[in-house]
């Protein structure tokens, strides 16, 4: 088993005229919880969008369970077990926090 479930090695991301992430290294072990903190413009959202397939890094690599992974879309990330809960107050104010988190991922039973 790999030591890390998720690794980013030498990841960089630029947008026209702005280098947002520069040589980022990140390691996540099974069961760990990390918090991203920083000022506006520090690259937190870009970091999350890279591991969830919204943006592609300009350089570096992403490893899942020690194996190189290409996360080109949010569906790729979802297939690898990666998801993000964004900081919107609520998408649907009349349902619970848990229901908001699992919106679109509800368990359903198909009729026979």
PDB file of N, CA and C in Angstrom:
ATOM      1  N   UNK A   1       0.841  -1.189   0.000  1.00  0.00           N
ATOM      2  CA  UNK A   1       0.000   0.000   0.000  1.00  0.00           C
ATOM      3  C   UNK A   1       0.883   1.249   0.000  1.00  0.00           C
ATOM      4  N   UNK A   2       0.481   2.242  -0.732  1.00  0.00           N
ATOM      5  CA  UNK A   2       1.229   3.501  -0.775  1.00  0.00           C
ATOM      6  C   UNK A   2       1.101   4.231   0.562  1.00  0.00           C
ATOM      7  N   UNK A   3       2.101   5.037   0.874  1.00  0.00           N
ATOM      8  CA  UNK A   3       2.054   5.819   2.104  1.00  0.00           C
ATOM      9  C   UNK A   3       1.019   6.928   2.037  1.00  0.00           C
ATOM     10  N   UNK A   4       0.754   7.421   0.825  1.00  0.00           N
ATOM     11  CA  UNK A   4      -0.148   8.563   0.655  1.00  0.00           C
ATOM     12  C   UNK A   4      -1.277   8.206  -0.296  1.00  0.00           C
ATOM     13  N   UNK A   5      -2.487   8.658   0.035  1.00  0.00           N
ATOM     14  CA  UNK A   5      -3.611   8.453  -0.878  1.00  0.00           C
ATOM     15  C   UNK A   5      -3.619   9.517  -1.969  1.00  0.00           C
ATOM     16  N   UNK A   6      -3.044  10.689  -1.673  1.00  0.00           N
ATOM     17  CA  UNK A   6      -2.957  11.777  -2.645  1.00  0.00           C
ATOM     18  C   UNK A   6      -1.631  12.493  -2.468  1.00  0.00           C
ATOM     19  N   UNK A   7      -0.929  12.718  -3.587  1.00  0.00           N
ATOM     20  CA  UNK A   7       0.320  13.498  -3.564  1.00  0.00           C
ATOM     21  C   UNK A   7       0.321  14.465  -4.740  1.00  0.00           C
ATOM     22  N   UNK A   8       0.785  15.645  -4.489  1.00  0.00           N
ATOM     23  CA  UNK A   8       1.090  16.597  -5.555  1.00  0.00           C
ATOM     24  C   UNK A   8       2.579  16.870  -5.466  1.00  0.00           C
ATOM     25  N   UNK A   9       3.273  16.747  -6.588  1.00  0.00           N
ATOM     26  CA  UNK A   9       4.712  16.959  -6.617  1.00  0.00           C
ATOM     27  C   UNK A   9       5.047  18.006  -7.672  1.00  0.00           C
ATOM     28  N   UNK A  10       5.682  19.085  -7.241  1.00  0.00           N
ATOM     29  CA  UNK A  10       6.157  20.142  -8.144  1.00  0.00           C
ATOM     30  C   UNK A  10       5.025  20.731  -8.998  1.00  0.00           C
ATOM     31  N   UNK A  11       3.840  20.842  -8.446  1.00  0.00           N
ATOM     32  CA  UNK A  11       2.695  21.355  -9.217  1.00  0.00           C
ATOM     33  C   UNK A  11       2.749  22.882  -9.298  1.00  0.00           C
ATOM     34  N   UNK A  12       2.626  23.377 -10.513  1.00  0.00           N
ATOM     35  CA  UNK A  12       2.556  24.820 -10.755  1.00  0.00           C
ATOM     36  C   UNK A  12       1.374  25.104 -11.668  1.00  0.00           C
ATOM     37  N   UNK A  13       0.797  26.288 -11.493  1.00  0.00           N
ATOM     38  CA  UNK A  13      -0.321  26.708 -12.334  1.00  0.00           C
ATOM     39  C   UNK A  13      -0.234  28.208 -12.547  1.00  0.00           C
ATOM     40  N   UNK A  14      -0.339  28.597 -13.804  1.00  0.00           N
ATOM     41  CA  UNK A  14      -0.353  30.019 -14.163  1.00  0.00           C
ATOM     42  C   UNK A  14      -1.578  30.307 -15.000  1.00  0.00           C
ATOM     43  N   UNK A  15      -2.069  31.509 -14.854  1.00  0.00           N
ATOM     44  CA  UNK A  15      -3.081  32.057 -15.736  1.00  0.00           C
ATOM     45  C   UNK A  15      -2.411  33.243 -16.417  1.00  0.00           C
ATOM     46  N   UNK A  16      -2.955  33.763 -17.510  1.00  0.00           N
ATOM     47  CA  UNK A  16      -2.273  34.862 -18.212  1.00  0.00           C
ATOM     48  C   UNK A  16      -1.829  35.981 -17.259  1.00  0.00           C
ATOM     49  N   UNK A  17      -0.511  36.132 -17.152  1.00  0.00           N
ATOM     50  CA  UNK A  17       0.060  37.201 -16.346  1.00  0.00           C
ATOM     51  C   UNK A  17       0.170  36.923 -14.859  1.00  0.00           C
ATOM     52  N   UNK A  18      -0.291  35.767 -14.386  1.00  0.00           N
ATOM     53  CA  UNK A  18      -0.289  35.495 -12.944  1.00  0.00           C
ATOM     54  C   UNK A  18       0.142  34.054 -12.676  1.00  0.00           C
ATOM     55  N   UNK A  19       1.196  33.870 -11.876  1.00  0.00           N
ATOM     56  CA  UNK A  19       1.573  32.534 -11.412  1.00  0.00           C
ATOM     57  C   UNK A  19       0.852  32.300 -10.097  1.00  0.00           C
ATOM     58  N   UNK A  20      -0.083  31.364 -10.096  1.00  0.00           N
ATOM     59  CA  UNK A  20      -0.945  31.146  -8.933  1.00  0.00           C
ATOM     60  C   UNK A  20      -0.337  30.123  -7.976  1.00  0.00           C
ATOM     61  N   UNK A  21       0.143  29.011  -8.510  1.00  0.00           N
ATOM     62  CA  UNK A  21       0.794  27.985  -7.697  1.00  0.00           C
ATOM     63  C   UNK A  21       2.205  27.777  -8.235  1.00  0.00           C
ATOM     64  N   UNK A  22       3.167  27.706  -7.331  1.00  0.00           N
ATOM     65  CA  UNK A  22       4.556  27.572  -7.747  1.00  0.00           C
ATOM     66  C   UNK A  22       5.229  26.424  -7.003  1.00  0.00           C
ATOM     67  N   UNK A  23       5.449  25.307  -7.684  1.00  0.00           N
ATOM     68  CA  UNK A  23       6.184  24.162  -7.137  1.00  0.00           C
ATOM     69  C   UNK A  23       5.551  23.637  -5.840  1.00  0.00           C
ATOM     70  N   UNK A  24       4.248  23.397  -5.880  1.00  0.00           N
ATOM     71  CA  UNK A  24       3.511  22.924  -4.701  1.00  0.00           C
ATOM     72  C   UNK A  24       3.781  21.443  -4.467  1.00  0.00           C
ATOM     73  N   UNK A  25       4.030  21.127  -3.199  1.00  0.00           N
ATOM     74  CA  UNK A  25       4.154  19.742  -2.747  1.00  0.00           C
ATOM     75  C   UNK A  25       3.084  19.531  -1.685  1.00  0.00           C
ATOM     76  N   UNK A  26       2.356  18.419  -1.797  1.00  0.00           N
ATOM     77  CA  UNK A  26       1.287  18.121  -0.845  1.00  0.00           C
ATOM     78  C   UNK A  26       1.207  16.616  -0.707  1.00  0.00           C
ATOM     79  N   UNK A  27       1.008  16.144   0.520  1.00  0.00           N
ATOM     80  CA  UNK A  27       0.877  14.718   0.790  1.00  0.00           C
ATOM     81  C   UNK A  27      -0.276  14.498   1.764  1.00  0.00           C
ATOM     82  N   UNK A  28      -1.128  13.547   1.429  1.00  0.00           N
ATOM     83  CA  UNK A  28      -2.283  13.226   2.264  1.00  0.00           C
ATOM     84  C   UNK A  28      -2.265  11.735   2.575  1.00  0.00           C
ATOM     85  N   UNK A  29      -2.165  11.424   3.865  1.00  0.00           N
ATOM     86  CA  UNK A  29      -2.190  10.030   4.304  1.00  0.00           C
ATOM     87  C   UNK A  29      -3.635   9.615   4.586  1.00  0.00           C
ATOM     88  N   UNK A  30      -3.910   8.319   4.544  1.00  0.00           N
ATOM     89  CA  UNK A  30      -5.268   7.857   4.866  1.00  0.00           C
ATOM     90  C   UNK A  30      -5.708   8.356   6.238  1.00  0.00           C
ATOM     91  N   UNK A  31      -6.921   8.880   6.323  1.00  0.00           N
ATOM     92  CA  UNK A  31      -7.480   9.347   7.582  1.00  0.00           C
ATOM     93  C   UNK A  31      -7.095  10.755   7.989  1.00  0.00           C
ATOM     94  N   UNK A  32      -6.192  11.394   7.261  1.00  0.00           N
ATOM     95  CA  UNK A  32      -5.790  12.755   7.606  1.00  0.00           C
ATOM     96  C   UNK A  32      -6.820  13.778   7.138  1.00  0.00           C
ATOM     97  N   UNK A  33      -6.837  14.890   7.842  1.00  0.00           N
ATOM     98  CA  UNK A  33      -7.656  16.036   7.468  1.00  0.00           C
ATOM     99  C   UNK A  33      -6.732  17.243   7.396  1.00  0.00           C
ATOM    100  N   UNK A  34      -6.824  18.006   6.328  1.00  0.00           N
ATOM    101  CA  UNK A  34      -6.017  19.209   6.165  1.00  0.00           C
ATOM    102  C   UNK A  34      -6.933  20.407   6.000  1.00  0.00           C
ATOM    103  N   UNK A  35      -6.463  21.549   6.435  1.00  0.00           N
ATOM    104  CA  UNK A  35      -7.173  22.817   6.223  1.00  0.00           C
ATOM    105  C   UNK A  35      -6.287  23.701   5.361  1.00  0.00           C
ATOM    106  N   UNK A  36      -6.890  24.364   4.389  1.00  0.00           N
ATOM    107  CA  UNK A  36      -6.160  25.332   3.558  1.00  0.00           C
ATOM    108  C   UNK A  36      -6.527  26.719   4.038  1.00  0.00           C
ATOM    109  N   UNK A  37      -5.518  27.491   4.391  1.00  0.00           N
ATOM    110  CA  UNK A  37      -5.761  28.843   4.879  1.00  0.00           C
ATOM    111  C   UNK A  37      -4.814  29.800   4.179  1.00  0.00           C
ATOM    112  N   UNK A  38      -5.279  30.999   3.958  1.00  0.00           N
ATOM    113  CA  UNK A  38      -4.437  32.016   3.347  1.00  0.00           C
ATOM    114  C   UNK A  38      -5.275  33.189   2.895  1.00  0.00           C
ATOM    115  N   UNK A  39      -4.596  34.230   2.522  1.00  0.00           N
ATOM    116  CA  UNK A  39      -5.281  35.436   2.063  1.00  0.00           C
ATOM    117  C   UNK A  39      -5.958  35.183   0.723  1.00  0.00           C
ATOM    118  N   UNK A  40      -6.873  36.077   0.364  1.00  0.00           N
ATOM    119  CA  UNK A  40      -7.463  36.023  -0.961  1.00  0.00           C
ATOM    120  C   UNK A  40      -6.344  36.097  -1.987  1.00  0.00           C
ATOM    121  N   UNK A  41      -6.438  35.252  -3.003  1.00  0.00           N
ATOM    122  CA  UNK A  41      -5.425  35.245  -4.049  1.00  0.00           C
ATOM    123  C   UNK A  41      -4.228  34.362  -3.757  1.00  0.00           C
ATOM    124  N   UNK A  42      -4.251  33.633  -2.634  1.00  0.00           N
ATOM    125  CA  UNK A  42      -3.112  32.792  -2.267  1.00  0.00           C
ATOM    126  C   UNK A  42      -3.036  31.495  -3.068  1.00  0.00           C
ATOM    127  N   UNK A  43      -4.106  31.111  -3.748  1.00  0.00           N
ATOM    128  CA  UNK A  43      -4.109  29.895  -4.558  1.00  0.00           C
ATOM    129  C   UNK A  43      -4.887  28.729  -3.985  1.00  0.00           C
ATOM    130  N   UNK A  44      -5.622  28.955  -2.901  1.00  0.00           N
ATOM    131  CA  UNK A  44      -6.373  27.869  -2.271  1.00  0.00           C
ATOM    132  C   UNK A  44      -7.386  27.256  -3.222  1.00  0.00           C
ATOM    133  N   UNK A  45      -8.198  28.089  -3.846  1.00  0.00           N
ATOM    134  CA  UNK A  45      -9.231  27.586  -4.760  1.00  0.00           C
ATOM    135  C   UNK A  45      -8.612  26.917  -5.977  1.00  0.00           C
ATOM    136  N   UNK A  46      -7.529  27.467  -6.486  1.00  0.00           N
ATOM    137  CA  UNK A  46      -6.864  26.860  -7.641  1.00  0.00           C
ATOM    138  C   UNK A  46      -6.324  25.484  -7.272  1.00  0.00           C
ATOM    139  N   UNK A  47      -5.753  25.357  -6.087  1.00  0.00           N
ATOM    140  CA  UNK A  47      -5.259  24.063  -5.602  1.00  0.00           C
ATOM    141  C   UNK A  47      -6.390  23.035  -5.590  1.00  0.00           C
ATOM    142  N   UNK A  48      -7.526  23.408  -4.995  1.00  0.00           N
ATOM    143  CA  UNK A  48      -8.671  22.500  -4.933  1.00  0.00           C
ATOM    144  C   UNK A  48      -9.179  22.172  -6.331  1.00  0.00           C
ATOM    145  N   UNK A  49      -9.225  23.175  -7.201  1.00  0.00           N
ATOM    146  CA  UNK A  49      -9.718  22.942  -8.559  1.00  0.00           C
ATOM    147  C   UNK A  49      -8.781  22.050  -9.362  1.00  0.00           C
ATOM    148  N   UNK A  50      -7.507  22.040  -9.049  1.00  0.00           N
ATOM    149  CA  UNK A  50      -6.586  21.118  -9.724  1.00  0.00           C
ATOM    150  C   UNK A  50      -6.845  19.689  -9.274  1.00  0.00           C
ATOM    151  N   UNK A  51      -6.989  19.463  -7.976  1.00  0.00           N
ATOM    152  CA  UNK A  51      -7.202  18.070  -7.538  1.00  0.00           C
ATOM    153  C   UNK A  51      -8.609  17.569  -7.844  1.00  0.00           C
ATOM    154  N   UNK A  52      -9.536  18.477  -8.159  1.00  0.00           N
ATOM    155  CA  UNK A  52     -10.885  18.046  -8.525  1.00  0.00           C
ATOM    156  C   UNK A  52     -11.130  18.091 -10.031  1.00  0.00           C
ATOM    157  N   UNK A  53     -10.092  18.378 -10.830  1.00  0.00           N
ATOM    158  CA  UNK A  53     -10.214  18.300 -12.275  1.00  0.00           C
ATOM    159  C   UNK A  53     -10.807  19.505 -12.972  1.00  0.00           C
ATOM    160  N   UNK A  54     -11.055  20.576 -12.241  1.00  0.00           N
ATOM    161  CA  UNK A  54     -11.600  21.785 -12.860  1.00  0.00           C
ATOM    162  C   UNK A  54     -10.511  22.497 -13.667  1.00  0.00           C
ATOM    163  N   UNK A  55      -9.289  22.570 -13.114  1.00  0.00           N
ATOM    164  CA  UNK A  55      -8.130  23.152 -13.797  1.00  0.00           C
ATOM    165  C   UNK A  55      -7.058  22.078 -13.939  1.00  0.00           C
ATOM    166  N   UNK A  56      -6.198  22.260 -14.937  1.00  0.00           N
ATOM    167  CA  UNK A  56      -5.059  21.367 -15.148  1.00  0.00           C
ATOM    168  C   UNK A  56      -3.784  22.084 -14.729  1.00  0.00           C
ATOM    169  N   UNK A  57      -2.870  21.390 -14.070  1.00  0.00           N
ATOM    170  CA  UNK A  57      -1.600  22.046 -13.728  1.00  0.00           C
ATOM    171  C   UNK A  57      -0.771  22.289 -14.988  1.00  0.00           C
ATOM    172  N   UNK A  58       0.052  23.340 -14.957  1.00  0.00           N
ATOM    173  CA  UNK A  58       0.980  23.581 -16.057  1.00  0.00           C
ATOM    174  C   UNK A  58       2.185  22.653 -15.965  1.00  0.00           C
ATOM    175  N   UNK A  59       2.522  22.241 -14.750  1.00  0.00           N
ATOM    176  CA  UNK A  59       3.634  21.316 -14.554  1.00  0.00           C
ATOM    177  C   UNK A  59       3.424  20.559 -13.251  1.00  0.00           C
ATOM    178  N   UNK A  60       4.204  19.510 -13.085  1.00  0.00           N
ATOM    179  CA  UNK A  60       4.118  18.694 -11.883  1.00  0.00           C
ATOM    180  C   UNK A  60       3.295  17.456 -12.110  1.00  0.00           C
ATOM    181  N   UNK A  61       3.137  16.680 -11.047  1.00  0.00           N
ATOM    182  CA  UNK A  61       2.357  15.458 -11.174  1.00  0.00           C
ATOM    183  C   UNK A  61       1.482  15.236  -9.952  1.00  0.00           C
ATOM    184  N   UNK A  62       0.405  14.496 -10.197  1.00  0.00           N
ATOM    185  CA  UNK A  62      -0.535  14.100  -9.153  1.00  0.00           C
ATOM    186  C   UNK A  62      -0.485  12.586  -9.065  1.00  0.00           C
ATOM    187  N   UNK A  63      -0.373  12.088  -7.835  1.00  0.00           N
ATOM    188  CA  UNK A  63      -0.368  10.641  -7.622  1.00  0.00           C
ATOM    189  C   UNK A  63      -1.519  10.264  -6.710  1.00  0.00           C
ATOM    190  N   UNK A  64      -2.186   9.187  -7.051  1.00  0.00           N
ATOM    191  CA  UNK A  64      -3.245   8.610  -6.225  1.00  0.00           C
ATOM    192  C   UNK A  64      -2.757   7.225  -5.821  1.00  0.00           C
ATOM    193  N   UNK A  65      -2.676   6.976  -4.527  1.00  0.00           N
ATOM    194  CA  UNK A  65      -2.151   5.705  -4.007  1.00  0.00           C
ATOM    195  C   UNK A  65      -0.800   5.358  -4.627  1.00  0.00           C
ATOM    196  N   UNK A  66       0.040   6.379  -4.820  1.00  0.00           N
ATOM    197  CA  UNK A  66       1.386   6.174  -5.322  1.00  0.00           C
ATOM    198  C   UNK A  66       1.510   6.032  -6.828  1.00  0.00           C
ATOM    199  N   UNK A  67       0.379   6.088  -7.553  1.00  0.00           N
ATOM    200  CA  UNK A  67       0.405   5.920  -9.009  1.00  0.00           C
ATOM    201  C   UNK A  67       0.045   7.233  -9.688  1.00  0.00           C
ATOM    202  N   UNK A  68       0.749   7.577 -10.774  1.00  0.00           N
ATOM    203  CA  UNK A  68       0.411   8.815 -11.492  1.00  0.00           C
ATOM    204  C   UNK A  68      -1.046   8.823 -11.944  1.00  0.00           C
ATOM    205  N   UNK A  69      -1.689   9.969 -11.796  1.00  0.00           N
ATOM    206  CA  UNK A  69      -3.095  10.110 -12.182  1.00  0.00           C
ATOM    207  C   UNK A  69      -3.265  11.369 -13.015  1.00  0.00           C
ATOM    208  N   UNK A  70      -4.070  11.259 -14.045  1.00  0.00           N
ATOM    209  CA  UNK A  70      -4.444  12.432 -14.824  1.00  0.00           C
ATOM    210  C   UNK A  70      -5.889  12.749 -14.493  1.00  0.00           C
ATOM    211  N   UNK A  71      -6.096  13.879 -13.861  1.00  0.00           N
ATOM    212  CA  UNK A  71      -7.439  14.295 -13.462  1.00  0.00           C
ATOM    213  C   UNK A  71      -7.827  15.440 -14.382  1.00  0.00           C
ATOM    214  N   UNK A  72      -8.473  15.121 -15.490  1.00  0.00           N
ATOM    215  CA  UNK A  72      -8.788  16.105 -16.518  1.00  0.00           C
ATOM    216  C   UNK A  72     -10.177  16.722 -16.375  1.00  0.00           C
ATOM    217  N   UNK A  73     -11.037  16.057 -15.616  1.00  0.00           N
ATOM    218  CA  UNK A  73     -12.402  16.561 -15.433  1.00  0.00           C
ATOM    219  C   UNK A  73     -12.868  16.253 -14.016  1.00  0.00           C
ATOM    220  N   UNK A  74     -13.908  16.942 -13.553  1.00  0.00           N
ATOM    221  CA  UNK A  74     -14.478  16.581 -12.252  1.00  0.00           C
ATOM    222  C   UNK A  74     -14.976  15.132 -12.209  1.00  0.00           C
ATOM    223  N   UNK A  75     -15.416  14.596 -13.336  1.00  0.00           N
ATOM    224  CA  UNK A  75     -15.840  13.191 -13.349  1.00  0.00           C
ATOM    225  C   UNK A  75     -14.652  12.250 -13.133  1.00  0.00           C
ATOM    226  N   UNK A  76     -13.475  12.607 -13.683  1.00  0.00           N
ATOM    227  CA  UNK A  76     -12.265  11.824 -13.406  1.00  0.00           C
ATOM    228  C   UNK A  76     -11.976  11.823 -11.910  1.00  0.00           C
ATOM    229  N   UNK A  77     -12.058  13.004 -11.304  1.00  0.00           N
ATOM    230  CA  UNK A  77     -11.807  13.120  -9.860  1.00  0.00           C
ATOM    231  C   UNK A  77     -12.817  12.300  -9.071  1.00  0.00           C
ATOM    232  N   UNK A  78     -14.075  12.400  -9.453  1.00  0.00           N
ATOM    233  CA  UNK A  78     -15.129  11.660  -8.751  1.00  0.00           C
ATOM    234  C   UNK A  78     -14.877  10.153  -8.845  1.00  0.00           C
ATOM    235  N   UNK A  79     -14.455   9.673 -10.011  1.00  0.00           N
ATOM    236  CA  UNK A  79     -14.171   8.246 -10.172  1.00  0.00           C
ATOM    237  C   UNK A  79     -13.018   7.793  -9.282  1.00  0.00           C
ATOM    238  N   UNK A  80     -12.125   8.736  -8.934  1.00  0.00           N
ATOM    239  CA  UNK A  80     -11.003   8.436  -8.032  1.00  0.00           C
ATOM    240  C   UNK A  80     -11.349   8.665  -6.566  1.00  0.00           C
ATOM    241  N   UNK A  81     -12.603   9.067  -6.293  1.00  0.00           N
ATOM    242  CA  UNK A  81     -13.025   9.296  -4.916  1.00  0.00           C
ATOM    243  C   UNK A  81     -12.728  10.686  -4.398  1.00  0.00           C
ATOM    244  N   UNK A  82     -12.475  11.633  -5.305  1.00  0.00           N
ATOM    245  CA  UNK A  82     -12.152  13.006  -4.916  1.00  0.00           C
ATOM    246  C   UNK A  82     -13.357  13.896  -5.162  1.00  0.00           C
ATOM    247  N   UNK A  83     -13.709  14.696  -4.166  1.00  0.00           N
ATOM    248  CA  UNK A  83     -14.808  15.657  -4.291  1.00  0.00           C
ATOM    249  C   UNK A  83     -14.487  16.867  -3.435  1.00  0.00           C
ATOM    250  N   UNK A  84     -15.109  17.975  -3.744  1.00  0.00           N
ATOM    251  CA  UNK A  84     -14.933  19.195  -2.950  1.00  0.00           C
ATOM    252  C   UNK A  84     -16.306  19.729  -2.569  1.00  0.00           C
ATOM    253  N   UNK A  85     -16.369  20.253  -1.370  1.00  0.00           N
ATOM    254  CA  UNK A  85     -17.564  20.946  -0.907  1.00  0.00           C
ATOM    255  C   UNK A  85     -17.176  22.412  -0.863  1.00  0.00           C
ATOM    256  N   UNK A  86     -17.754  23.216  -1.734  1.00  0.00           N
ATOM    257  CA  UNK A  86     -17.372  24.617  -1.830  1.00  0.00           C
ATOM    258  C   UNK A  86     -18.043  25.439  -0.741  1.00  0.00           C
ATOM    259  N   UNK A  87     -17.541  26.639  -0.515  1.00  0.00           N
ATOM    260  CA  UNK A  87     -17.918  27.429   0.650  1.00  0.00           C
ATOM    261  C   UNK A  87     -19.198  28.237   0.505  1.00  0.00           C
ATOM    262  N   UNK A  88     -20.042  27.905  -0.450  1.00  0.00           N
ATOM    263  CA  UNK A  88     -21.320  28.597  -0.561  1.00  0.00           C
ATOM    264  C   UNK A  88     -22.132  28.316   0.698  1.00  0.00           C
ATOM    265  N   UNK A  89     -22.890  29.289   1.148  1.00  0.00           N
ATOM    266  CA  UNK A  89     -23.650  29.117   2.387  1.00  0.00           C
ATOM    267  C   UNK A  89     -24.498  27.858   2.300  1.00  0.00           C
ATOM    268  N   UNK A  90     -25.346  27.774   1.320  1.00  0.00           N
ATOM    269  CA  UNK A  90     -26.070  26.545   0.988  1.00  0.00           C
ATOM    270  C   UNK A  90     -26.538  26.660  -0.449  1.00  0.00           C
ATOM    271  N   UNK A  91     -26.557  25.531  -1.096  1.00  0.00           N
ATOM    272  CA  UNK A  91     -27.106  25.513  -2.452  1.00  0.00           C
ATOM    273  C   UNK A  91     -28.627  25.519  -2.375  1.00  0.00           C
ATOM    274  N   UNK A  92     -29.151  24.796  -1.404  1.00  0.00           N
ATOM    275  CA  UNK A  92     -30.592  24.658  -1.224  1.00  0.00           C
ATOM    276  C   UNK A  92     -30.910  24.958   0.237  1.00  0.00           C
ATOM    277  N   UNK A  93     -31.394  26.156   0.545  1.00  0.00           N
ATOM    278  CA  UNK A  93     -31.550  26.565   1.943  1.00  0.00           C
ATOM    279  C   UNK A  93     -32.602  25.799   2.735  1.00  0.00           C
ATOM    280  N   UNK A  94     -33.485  25.055   2.079  1.00  0.00           N
ATOM    281  CA  UNK A  94     -34.554  24.366   2.802  1.00  0.00           C
ATOM    282  C   UNK A  94     -34.227  22.931   3.164  1.00  0.00           C
ATOM    283  N   UNK A  95     -32.980  22.506   2.922  1.00  0.00           N
ATOM    284  CA  UNK A  95     -32.590  21.151   3.304  1.00  0.00           C
ATOM    285  C   UNK A  95     -31.361  21.223   4.211  1.00  0.00           C
ATOM    286  N   UNK A  96     -31.045  20.094   4.832  1.00  0.00           N
ATOM    287  CA  UNK A  96     -29.954  20.062   5.819  1.00  0.00           C
ATOM    288  C   UNK A  96     -28.580  20.202   5.165  1.00  0.00           C
ATOM    289  N   UNK A  97     -27.573  20.426   6.013  1.00  0.00           N
ATOM    290  CA  UNK A  97     -26.192  20.492   5.537  1.00  0.00           C
ATOM    291  C   UNK A  97     -25.825  19.176   4.851  1.00  0.00           C
ATOM    292  N   UNK A  98     -26.130  18.054   5.486  1.00  0.00           N
ATOM    293  CA  UNK A  98     -25.807  16.744   4.909  1.00  0.00           C
ATOM    294  C   UNK A  98     -26.490  16.559   3.559  1.00  0.00           C
ATOM    295  N   UNK A  99     -27.756  16.966   3.462  1.00  0.00           N
ATOM    296  CA  UNK A  99     -28.463  16.838   2.184  1.00  0.00           C
ATOM    297  C   UNK A  99     -27.821  17.721   1.117  1.00  0.00           C
ATOM    298  N   UNK A 100     -27.354  18.917   1.482  1.00  0.00           N
ATOM    299  CA  UNK A 100     -26.644  19.780   0.531  1.00  0.00           C
ATOM    300  C   UNK A 100     -25.348  19.122   0.064  1.00  0.00           C
ATOM    301  N   UNK A 101     -24.607  18.525   0.993  1.00  0.00           N
ATOM    302  CA  UNK A 101     -23.333  17.890   0.645  1.00  0.00           C
ATOM    303  C   UNK A 101     -23.544  16.748  -0.339  1.00  0.00           C
ATOM    304  N   UNK A 102     -24.586  15.962  -0.144  1.00  0.00           N
ATOM    305  CA  UNK A 102     -24.800  14.788  -0.992  1.00  0.00           C
ATOM    306  C   UNK A 102     -25.757  15.042  -2.153  1.00  0.00           C
ATOM    307  N   UNK A 103     -26.109  16.296  -2.406  1.00  0.00           N
ATOM    308  CA  UNK A 103     -26.986  16.614  -3.522  1.00  0.00           C
ATOM    309  C   UNK A 103     -26.371  16.094  -4.821  1.00  0.00           C
ATOM    310  N   UNK A 104     -27.137  15.308  -5.551  1.00  0.00           N
ATOM    311  CA  UNK A 104     -26.644  14.723  -6.792  1.00  0.00           C
ATOM    312  C   UNK A 104     -25.962  13.385  -6.607  1.00  0.00           C
ATOM    313  N   UNK A 105     -25.787  12.970  -5.349  1.00  0.00           N
ATOM    314  CA  UNK A 105     -25.137  11.690  -5.063  1.00  0.00           C
ATOM    315  C   UNK A 105     -26.028  10.814  -4.182  1.00  0.00           C
ATOM    316  N   UNK A 106     -27.317  11.066  -4.232  1.00  0.00           N
ATOM    317  CA  UNK A 106     -28.234  10.306  -3.400  1.00  0.00           C
ATOM    318  C   UNK A 106     -28.251   8.850  -3.844  1.00  0.00           C
ATOM    319  N   UNK A 107     -28.419   7.950  -2.881  1.00  0.00           N
ATOM    320  CA  UNK A 107     -28.587   6.545  -3.226  1.00  0.00           C
ATOM    321  C   UNK A 107     -30.018   6.369  -3.735  1.00  0.00           C
ATOM    322  N   UNK A 108     -30.124   5.700  -4.829  1.00  0.00           N
ATOM    323  CA  UNK A 108     -31.453   5.444  -5.403  1.00  0.00           C
ATOM    324  C   UNK A 108     -31.618   3.956  -5.655  1.00  0.00           C
ATOM    325  N   UNK A 109     -32.849   3.546  -5.689  1.00  0.00           N
ATOM    326  CA  UNK A 109     -33.170   2.157  -6.001  1.00  0.00           C
ATOM    327  C   UNK A 109     -33.909   2.178  -7.327  1.00  0.00           C
ATOM    328  N   UNK A 110     -33.382   1.427  -8.276  1.00  0.00           N
ATOM    329  CA  UNK A 110     -34.024   1.366  -9.576  1.00  0.00           C
ATOM    330  C   UNK A 110     -35.156   0.348  -9.542  1.00  0.00           C
ATOM    331  N   UNK A 111     -36.294   0.676 -10.153  1.00  0.00           N
ATOM    332  CA  UNK A 111     -37.411  -0.279 -10.161  1.00  0.00           C
ATOM    333  C   UNK A 111     -37.045  -1.515 -10.996  1.00  0.00           C
ATOM    334  N   UNK A 112     -37.535  -2.651 -10.563  1.00  0.00           N
ATOM    335  CA  UNK A 112     -37.267  -3.892 -11.290  1.00  0.00           C
ATOM    336  C   UNK A 112     -38.215  -4.093 -12.426  1.00  0.00           C
TER     337      UNK A 112
END
